[in-house]
Every structure is written in C-alpha cells, then in structure tokens.
N, C-alpha and C. Protein backbone atom coordinates (compact mmCIF):
# COMPACT_ATOMS: atom_id res chain seq x y z
N MET A 1 33.67 -105.66 154.34
CA MET A 1 33.01 -104.37 154.30
C MET A 1 31.91 -104.39 153.24
N GLY A 2 30.82 -103.73 153.56
CA GLY A 2 29.71 -103.63 152.63
C GLY A 2 29.91 -102.49 151.65
N THR A 3 29.06 -102.44 150.68
CA THR A 3 29.13 -101.34 149.72
C THR A 3 28.31 -100.16 150.23
N ALA A 4 28.71 -98.99 149.80
CA ALA A 4 27.98 -97.77 150.19
C ALA A 4 26.60 -97.77 149.54
N PRO A 5 25.61 -97.26 150.24
CA PRO A 5 24.26 -97.22 149.66
C PRO A 5 24.22 -96.26 148.46
N PHE A 6 23.38 -96.59 147.52
CA PHE A 6 23.19 -95.74 146.34
C PHE A 6 22.42 -94.49 146.75
N VAL A 7 22.95 -93.34 146.36
CA VAL A 7 22.28 -92.06 146.64
C VAL A 7 21.90 -91.45 145.30
N PRO A 8 20.60 -91.35 145.00
CA PRO A 8 20.19 -90.80 143.71
C PRO A 8 20.47 -89.30 143.62
N ASP A 9 20.74 -88.85 142.38
CA ASP A 9 20.95 -87.43 142.10
C ASP A 9 19.58 -86.76 142.03
N THR A 10 19.30 -85.89 142.98
CA THR A 10 18.01 -85.18 142.98
C THR A 10 18.19 -83.67 142.82
N MET A 11 19.42 -83.24 142.58
CA MET A 11 19.71 -81.81 142.41
C MET A 11 19.50 -81.39 140.96
N ALA A 12 18.73 -80.34 140.78
CA ALA A 12 18.54 -79.79 139.43
C ALA A 12 19.84 -79.16 138.97
N PRO A 13 20.15 -79.24 137.68
CA PRO A 13 21.40 -78.66 137.19
C PRO A 13 21.35 -77.13 137.22
N GLU A 14 22.50 -76.52 137.48
CA GLU A 14 22.57 -75.06 137.37
C GLU A 14 22.46 -74.71 135.90
N LEU A 15 21.92 -73.52 135.62
CA LEU A 15 21.75 -73.07 134.23
C LEU A 15 21.92 -71.57 134.20
N THR A 16 22.89 -71.10 133.43
CA THR A 16 23.07 -69.67 133.24
C THR A 16 23.01 -69.37 131.75
N LEU A 17 22.46 -68.21 131.41
CA LEU A 17 22.33 -67.78 130.03
C LEU A 17 23.04 -66.45 129.83
N LYS A 18 23.75 -66.33 128.73
CA LYS A 18 24.35 -65.04 128.38
C LYS A 18 23.28 -64.16 127.75
N SER A 19 23.44 -62.85 127.89
CA SER A 19 22.47 -61.92 127.30
C SER A 19 22.43 -62.13 125.78
N ILE A 20 21.29 -61.79 125.20
CA ILE A 20 21.10 -61.99 123.76
C ILE A 20 20.41 -60.76 123.17
N SER A 21 20.88 -60.35 121.99
CA SER A 21 20.25 -59.22 121.30
C SER A 21 19.57 -59.71 120.03
N LYS A 22 18.83 -58.82 119.40
CA LYS A 22 18.04 -59.19 118.22
C LYS A 22 18.90 -59.68 117.06
N ASN A 23 20.18 -59.32 117.03
CA ASN A 23 21.05 -59.72 115.92
C ASN A 23 21.82 -61.01 116.18
N ASP A 24 21.76 -61.52 117.41
CA ASP A 24 22.49 -62.74 117.74
C ASP A 24 21.89 -63.96 117.05
N ARG A 25 22.75 -64.89 116.73
CA ARG A 25 22.32 -66.14 116.09
C ARG A 25 22.61 -67.35 116.96
N GLN A 26 22.97 -67.11 118.23
CA GLN A 26 23.23 -68.19 119.16
C GLN A 26 22.72 -67.84 120.54
N VAL A 27 22.26 -68.84 121.25
CA VAL A 27 21.99 -68.72 122.68
C VAL A 27 23.11 -69.49 123.35
N LYS A 28 23.84 -68.81 124.26
CA LYS A 28 24.99 -69.43 124.92
C LYS A 28 24.79 -69.43 126.43
N GLY A 29 25.44 -70.38 127.08
CA GLY A 29 25.37 -70.44 128.53
C GLY A 29 26.18 -71.59 129.08
N ARG A 30 25.88 -71.91 130.35
CA ARG A 30 26.57 -73.01 131.05
C ARG A 30 25.55 -73.82 131.83
N THR A 31 25.85 -75.10 131.94
CA THR A 31 25.06 -76.01 132.75
C THR A 31 25.94 -77.17 133.16
N GLU A 32 25.35 -78.18 133.70
CA GLU A 32 26.07 -79.38 134.12
C GLU A 32 26.53 -80.16 132.90
N ALA A 33 27.80 -80.58 132.90
CA ALA A 33 28.31 -81.41 131.80
C ALA A 33 27.46 -82.67 131.71
N GLY A 34 27.13 -83.07 130.49
CA GLY A 34 26.31 -84.25 130.28
C GLY A 34 24.82 -83.96 130.22
N ALA A 35 24.43 -82.74 130.56
CA ALA A 35 23.00 -82.38 130.51
C ALA A 35 22.58 -82.13 129.06
N ALA A 36 21.29 -82.21 128.82
CA ALA A 36 20.71 -81.83 127.53
C ALA A 36 20.10 -80.44 127.71
N VAL A 37 20.29 -79.57 126.73
CA VAL A 37 19.73 -78.21 126.79
C VAL A 37 18.86 -77.99 125.57
N TYR A 38 17.64 -77.51 125.84
CA TYR A 38 16.68 -77.19 124.78
C TYR A 38 16.33 -75.72 124.86
N ILE A 39 16.28 -75.06 123.71
CA ILE A 39 15.96 -73.65 123.62
C ILE A 39 14.63 -73.52 122.88
N PHE A 40 13.69 -72.81 123.51
CA PHE A 40 12.36 -72.59 122.92
C PHE A 40 12.24 -71.11 122.56
N THR A 41 11.95 -70.83 121.28
CA THR A 41 11.86 -69.44 120.83
C THR A 41 10.43 -68.98 120.62
N GLY A 42 9.49 -69.77 121.05
CA GLY A 42 8.08 -69.41 120.87
C GLY A 42 7.42 -70.25 119.80
N THR A 43 8.15 -70.54 118.73
CA THR A 43 7.58 -71.35 117.67
C THR A 43 8.41 -72.59 117.37
N LYS A 44 9.67 -72.58 117.76
CA LYS A 44 10.56 -73.70 117.45
C LYS A 44 11.39 -74.08 118.66
N THR A 45 11.88 -75.30 118.63
CA THR A 45 12.76 -75.82 119.68
C THR A 45 14.10 -76.18 119.06
N TYR A 46 15.18 -75.80 119.73
CA TYR A 46 16.53 -76.07 119.27
C TYR A 46 17.28 -76.80 120.38
N LYS A 47 18.11 -77.76 120.01
CA LYS A 47 18.91 -78.49 121.00
C LYS A 47 20.34 -77.94 120.95
N ALA A 48 20.88 -77.66 122.13
CA ALA A 48 22.25 -77.17 122.23
C ALA A 48 23.19 -78.32 122.53
N GLN A 49 24.40 -78.22 122.03
CA GLN A 49 25.45 -79.18 122.36
C GLN A 49 26.19 -78.68 123.60
N VAL A 50 26.26 -79.51 124.64
CA VAL A 50 26.94 -79.15 125.89
C VAL A 50 28.30 -79.85 125.89
N ASN A 51 29.39 -79.06 126.10
CA ASN A 51 30.71 -79.68 126.11
C ASN A 51 31.05 -80.22 127.50
N LYS A 52 32.23 -80.82 127.64
CA LYS A 52 32.60 -81.46 128.90
C LYS A 52 32.80 -80.47 130.04
N ARG A 53 32.89 -79.18 129.74
CA ARG A 53 32.99 -78.15 130.77
C ARG A 53 31.64 -77.52 131.10
N GLY A 54 30.59 -77.97 130.41
CA GLY A 54 29.25 -77.48 130.68
C GLY A 54 28.83 -76.28 129.84
N LYS A 55 29.71 -75.82 128.94
CA LYS A 55 29.34 -74.69 128.08
C LYS A 55 28.50 -75.21 126.92
N PHE A 56 27.55 -74.37 126.49
CA PHE A 56 26.72 -74.76 125.36
C PHE A 56 26.42 -73.56 124.48
N ALA A 57 26.03 -73.87 123.24
CA ALA A 57 25.58 -72.86 122.29
C ALA A 57 24.56 -73.53 121.38
N ALA A 58 23.46 -72.83 121.14
CA ALA A 58 22.43 -73.33 120.23
C ALA A 58 22.25 -72.32 119.12
N GLU A 59 22.31 -72.78 117.90
CA GLU A 59 22.11 -71.93 116.73
C GLU A 59 20.61 -71.62 116.59
N ILE A 60 20.29 -70.32 116.50
CA ILE A 60 18.90 -69.90 116.31
C ILE A 60 18.89 -68.77 115.28
N PRO A 61 17.76 -68.53 114.62
CA PRO A 61 17.67 -67.36 113.75
C PRO A 61 17.55 -66.09 114.60
N PRO A 62 17.85 -64.92 114.03
CA PRO A 62 17.67 -63.67 114.79
C PRO A 62 16.23 -63.58 115.31
N GLN A 63 16.08 -63.01 116.49
CA GLN A 63 14.77 -62.90 117.15
C GLN A 63 14.37 -61.44 117.28
N LYS A 64 13.08 -61.19 117.43
CA LYS A 64 12.59 -59.83 117.62
C LYS A 64 12.90 -59.34 119.02
N THR A 65 13.18 -58.05 119.13
CA THR A 65 13.39 -57.43 120.43
C THR A 65 12.17 -57.67 121.31
N GLY A 66 12.41 -58.06 122.56
CA GLY A 66 11.34 -58.30 123.50
C GLY A 66 10.86 -59.74 123.58
N ARG A 67 11.22 -60.56 122.62
CA ARG A 67 10.81 -61.98 122.66
C ARG A 67 11.44 -62.65 123.88
N ILE A 68 10.70 -63.52 124.50
CA ILE A 68 11.20 -64.30 125.63
C ILE A 68 11.66 -65.65 125.10
N ILE A 69 12.91 -65.97 125.38
CA ILE A 69 13.48 -67.26 125.01
C ILE A 69 13.58 -68.10 126.28
N ILE A 70 13.15 -69.34 126.19
CA ILE A 70 13.17 -70.23 127.35
C ILE A 70 14.19 -71.34 127.11
N ALA A 71 15.03 -71.56 128.11
CA ALA A 71 16.02 -72.63 128.05
C ALA A 71 15.70 -73.65 129.14
N THR A 72 15.82 -74.92 128.79
CA THR A 72 15.60 -76.00 129.74
C THR A 72 16.82 -76.91 129.73
N ALA A 73 17.40 -77.15 130.91
CA ALA A 73 18.51 -78.10 131.06
C ALA A 73 17.98 -79.31 131.82
N ILE A 74 18.27 -80.50 131.28
CA ILE A 74 17.85 -81.75 131.92
C ILE A 74 19.10 -82.60 132.10
N ASP A 75 19.43 -82.91 133.36
CA ASP A 75 20.63 -83.70 133.60
C ASP A 75 20.38 -85.18 133.36
N GLU A 76 21.44 -85.99 133.50
CA GLU A 76 21.35 -87.41 133.20
C GLU A 76 20.41 -88.17 134.13
N SER A 77 20.08 -87.58 135.29
CA SER A 77 19.14 -88.21 136.23
C SER A 77 17.71 -87.74 136.01
N GLY A 78 17.51 -86.85 135.03
CA GLY A 78 16.16 -86.36 134.72
C GLY A 78 15.76 -85.11 135.49
N ASN A 79 16.68 -84.55 136.29
CA ASN A 79 16.38 -83.30 137.01
C ASN A 79 16.39 -82.15 136.01
N LYS A 80 15.50 -81.18 136.21
CA LYS A 80 15.30 -80.13 135.20
C LYS A 80 15.39 -78.74 135.82
N THR A 81 15.98 -77.82 135.06
CA THR A 81 16.00 -76.39 135.40
C THR A 81 15.53 -75.62 134.18
N VAL A 82 14.66 -74.63 134.41
CA VAL A 82 14.14 -73.80 133.33
C VAL A 82 14.47 -72.35 133.64
N LYS A 83 15.00 -71.63 132.64
CA LYS A 83 15.28 -70.20 132.78
C LYS A 83 14.79 -69.49 131.52
N SER A 84 14.52 -68.21 131.66
CA SER A 84 14.12 -67.43 130.48
C SER A 84 14.98 -66.19 130.39
N ILE A 85 15.05 -65.66 129.19
CA ILE A 85 15.81 -64.44 128.93
C ILE A 85 15.07 -63.65 127.86
N LYS A 86 15.10 -62.34 127.98
CA LYS A 86 14.42 -61.46 127.03
C LYS A 86 15.42 -60.93 126.00
N VAL A 87 15.04 -60.99 124.74
CA VAL A 87 15.89 -60.49 123.67
C VAL A 87 15.91 -58.97 123.74
N SER A 88 17.13 -58.42 123.74
CA SER A 88 17.28 -56.97 123.83
C SER A 88 17.57 -56.36 122.44
N GLU A 89 17.45 -55.07 122.38
CA GLU A 89 17.76 -54.34 121.14
C GLU A 89 19.25 -54.46 120.82
N TYR A 90 20.07 -54.20 121.83
CA TYR A 90 21.53 -54.23 121.70
C TYR A 90 22.13 -54.93 122.89
N LYS A 91 23.36 -55.40 122.76
CA LYS A 91 24.05 -56.04 123.90
C LYS A 91 24.60 -55.02 124.82
C-alpha cells in the first residue's frame, strides 16, 4: 500500500475575542492551539500565549474608550485571521 498524499492546511484559524473595557489589562480569546496571536493597540504590539486548548491572554495597559484593538492569529501553516474589537466604557 502507498502512503496517503500530503494535504496542506489552508484553513485560517478561528479567532474569537472577549469584550474589553477601558479598565481591562488583558485581551482574552480563543484560537487554534499552536497558533501565534498578536495584539495591536495602535502604537504597540503584544504577543499572547496560547494554551493547548486554544485560550489566550495578552497583557496590555488600559486603553481609551473607543480605541480599536486588532488581533491577528497565525497558525503553524501560516494561515492568518484578523479581528478587531472596540474598547468600551464598561463591560
């Protein structure tokens, strides 16, 4: 018997973000285990640690209400998903 043909991973990772308020010091969410997650706050970039269940948290300083935070998840095959979330006054 021959070996099965290699099928490359071309699916972008799922990415969900929890709501964030001006007093929060973390951006939390879920993605594919093994993915890298980067958080962009407009002036700085933060890397989140993703656990084996796909949960992540990135430490950030408090943000102004209305700021748009952008999260990017890149899986081990290089597929990318980008999402944004707006900082609210309260949760």
